[in-house]
Amino acid sequence: MRDDTEEYFGISNGDQLVSGRFDVKLVQKPWGHEVIWAHTGQYVGKVLHIKAGHSLSLQYHNEKDETIHLLSGKMIYRVKGADGELHDAKLLAGDSWRNEPGTVHQMEAVTDCQVLEASTPHLDDVVRLSDRYGREGTSAP
């Protein structure tokens, strides 16, 4: 997603670029798309674009630790409580939420939403319990 006419430079340690530009990755999803703007051995940075009326899977992660920050829009954030029940939290622009590994959660966009996500680098660590797009039990995009 960069202009190839610009000079591209960075700092490497042999074959691997350790500092410099990062090639941003766009991943299409049935609920919208995500832009992965950082991916290292220590962390991942994403912006999720969730279309109004759509939701992500009801899911949890075995290793992934993540925090989301709602940049714009309104959403319902579902989290399984200690009582084993799902509880709805209404999130507005400016609200943040952390999920430690094992936390069952789901995001549903009331309006179009932009969500900033910072997490550990475990991109394929998703256990889908239910999914309106037929992806239960997979880590498919």
Protein backbone atom coordinates (compact mmCIF):
# COMPACT_ATOMS: atom_id res chain seq x y z
CA MET A 1 0.00 0.00 0.00
CA ARG A 2 2.93 2.32 -0.64
CA ASP A 3 3.85 4.50 -3.55
CA ASP A 4 6.62 2.64 -5.41
CA THR A 5 8.04 5.92 -6.67
CA GLU A 6 9.17 6.76 -3.13
CA GLU A 7 12.58 5.62 -1.94
CA TYR A 8 12.28 2.45 0.15
CA PHE A 9 14.90 2.02 2.84
CA GLY A 10 15.30 0.26 6.13
CA ILE A 11 17.79 -1.34 8.46
CA SER A 12 18.48 -5.06 8.17
CA ASN A 13 20.43 -7.67 10.06
CA GLY A 14 21.40 -9.84 7.11
CA ASP A 15 18.33 -11.14 5.28
CA GLN A 16 15.65 -9.69 7.59
CA LEU A 17 14.43 -6.10 7.71
CA VAL A 18 14.41 -5.03 11.36
CA SER A 19 13.51 -1.35 11.02
CA GLY A 20 11.79 0.54 8.23
CA ARG A 21 8.59 0.47 6.24
CA PHE A 22 6.10 -2.36 6.71
CA ASP A 23 4.02 -3.74 3.85
CA VAL A 24 0.45 -3.34 5.05
CA LYS A 25 -1.82 -6.36 4.47
CA LEU A 26 -5.54 -6.14 3.66
CA VAL A 27 -7.58 -9.22 4.68
CA GLN A 28 -11.16 -9.50 3.43
CA LYS A 29 -13.66 -10.90 5.94
CA PRO A 30 -17.37 -11.72 5.61
CA TRP A 31 -18.11 -8.93 8.14
CA GLY A 32 -15.86 -6.33 6.44
CA HIS A 33 -12.06 -6.31 6.38
CA GLU A 34 -8.97 -5.83 8.48
CA VAL A 35 -5.78 -3.95 7.80
CA ILE A 36 -2.70 -5.48 9.42
CA TRP A 37 -0.36 -2.52 9.78
CA ALA A 38 2.23 -4.15 12.08
CA HIS A 39 3.35 -7.76 12.57
CA THR A 40 6.47 -8.69 14.52
CA GLY A 41 7.52 -11.55 16.75
CA GLN A 42 6.21 -9.59 19.74
CA TYR A 43 3.00 -7.88 18.58
CA VAL A 44 0.41 -7.28 15.85
CA GLY A 45 -1.45 -4.06 15.06
CA LYS A 46 -4.71 -4.11 13.09
CA VAL A 47 -7.62 -1.90 12.17
CA LEU A 48 -10.87 -3.86 11.79
CA HIS A 49 -13.61 -2.36 9.62
CA ILE A 50 -16.90 -3.99 10.65
CA LYS A 51 -20.04 -3.29 8.63
CA ALA A 52 -23.20 -2.28 10.50
CA GLY A 53 -25.33 -5.29 11.46
CA HIS A 54 -22.43 -7.74 11.11
CA SER A 55 -20.62 -9.61 13.84
CA LEU A 56 -17.42 -11.54 14.33
CA SER A 57 -17.46 -15.11 15.62
CA LEU A 58 -18.23 -15.98 19.20
CA GLN A 59 -14.66 -17.01 19.97
CA TYR A 60 -11.74 -17.32 22.32
CA HIS A 61 -7.97 -17.57 21.98
CA ASN A 62 -5.65 -20.08 23.67
CA GLU A 63 -2.56 -17.83 23.62
CA LYS A 64 -3.50 -14.52 22.01
CA ASP A 65 -3.82 -11.57 24.39
CA GLU A 66 -5.56 -8.60 22.77
CA THR A 67 -6.87 -5.14 23.48
CA ILE A 68 -9.31 -3.34 21.21
CA HIS A 69 -10.07 0.36 21.03
CA LEU A 70 -13.21 1.55 19.21
CA LEU A 71 -12.10 4.39 16.93
CA SER A 72 -15.55 5.07 15.50
CA GLY A 73 -19.06 3.66 15.62
CA LYS A 74 -21.16 1.80 18.18
CA MET A 75 -20.96 -1.89 18.98
CA ILE A 76 -22.22 -4.57 21.30
CA TYR A 77 -19.33 -6.42 22.93
CA ARG A 78 -20.35 -9.83 24.28
CA VAL A 79 -18.23 -11.48 26.94
CA LYS A 80 -18.80 -14.72 28.82
CA GLY A 81 -18.83 -13.99 32.54
CA ALA A 82 -17.81 -16.10 35.51
CA ASP A 83 -21.45 -17.23 35.68
CA GLY A 84 -21.05 -18.90 32.25
CA GLU A 85 -23.51 -16.50 30.62
CA LEU A 86 -22.86 -14.02 27.80
CA HIS A 87 -23.14 -10.39 28.89
CA ASP A 88 -23.56 -7.44 26.51
CA ALA A 89 -21.50 -4.28 26.92
CA LYS A 90 -22.29 -1.28 24.76
CA LEU A 91 -19.08 0.26 23.42
CA LEU A 92 -18.86 3.75 21.94
CA ALA A 93 -16.02 5.50 20.13
CA GLY A 94 -13.19 5.98 22.61
CA ASP A 95 -13.92 2.80 24.63
CA SER A 96 -11.35 0.01 25.00
CA TRP A 97 -11.55 -3.64 26.08
CA ARG A 98 -8.90 -6.25 26.90
CA ASN A 99 -9.28 -9.99 26.38
CA GLU A 100 -6.83 -12.31 28.07
CA PRO A 101 -6.40 -15.82 26.62
CA GLY A 102 -9.48 -17.98 27.24
CA THR A 103 -11.96 -15.08 27.33
CA VAL A 104 -15.03 -15.93 25.23
CA HIS A 105 -16.04 -12.80 23.31
CA GLN A 106 -17.84 -11.40 20.26
CA MET A 107 -18.13 -8.01 18.56
CA GLU A 108 -21.34 -6.92 16.82
CA ALA A 109 -21.43 -3.62 14.95
CA VAL A 110 -24.54 -1.52 15.57
CA THR A 111 -23.17 1.07 13.13
CA ASP A 112 -20.14 0.84 10.83
CA CYS A 113 -17.15 0.49 13.17
CA GLN A 114 -13.43 1.01 12.99
CA VAL A 115 -11.60 -0.93 15.69
CA LEU A 116 -7.92 -0.64 16.56
CA GLU A 117 -6.52 -3.94 17.84
CA ALA A 118 -3.16 -4.55 19.51
CA SER A 119 -2.30 -8.14 20.32
CA THR A 120 0.32 -10.80 20.70
CA PRO A 121 1.34 -12.22 17.29
CA HIS A 122 -0.85 -15.34 17.34
CA LEU A 123 -2.91 -14.56 14.22
CA ASP A 124 -4.25 -18.11 13.70
CA ASP A 125 -5.15 -18.67 17.36
CA VAL A 126 -8.93 -18.50 17.19
CA VAL A 127 -11.45 -21.06 18.42
CA ARG A 128 -14.83 -20.24 16.88
CA LEU A 129 -17.75 -21.45 19.00
CA SER A 130 -20.41 -20.04 16.66
CA ASP A 131 -20.29 -18.01 13.47
CA ARG A 132 -23.07 -16.68 11.25
CA TYR A 133 -20.84 -17.16 8.20
CA GLY A 134 -20.28 -20.92 8.66
CA ARG A 135 -16.69 -20.78 9.97
CA GLU A 136 -17.25 -22.60 13.30
CA GLY A 137 -14.27 -24.67 14.38
CA THR A 138 -11.85 -23.07 11.87
CA SER A 139 -9.31 -20.28 11.86
CA ALA A 140 -10.25 -19.31 8.27
CA PRO A 141 -10.44 -15.59 7.50
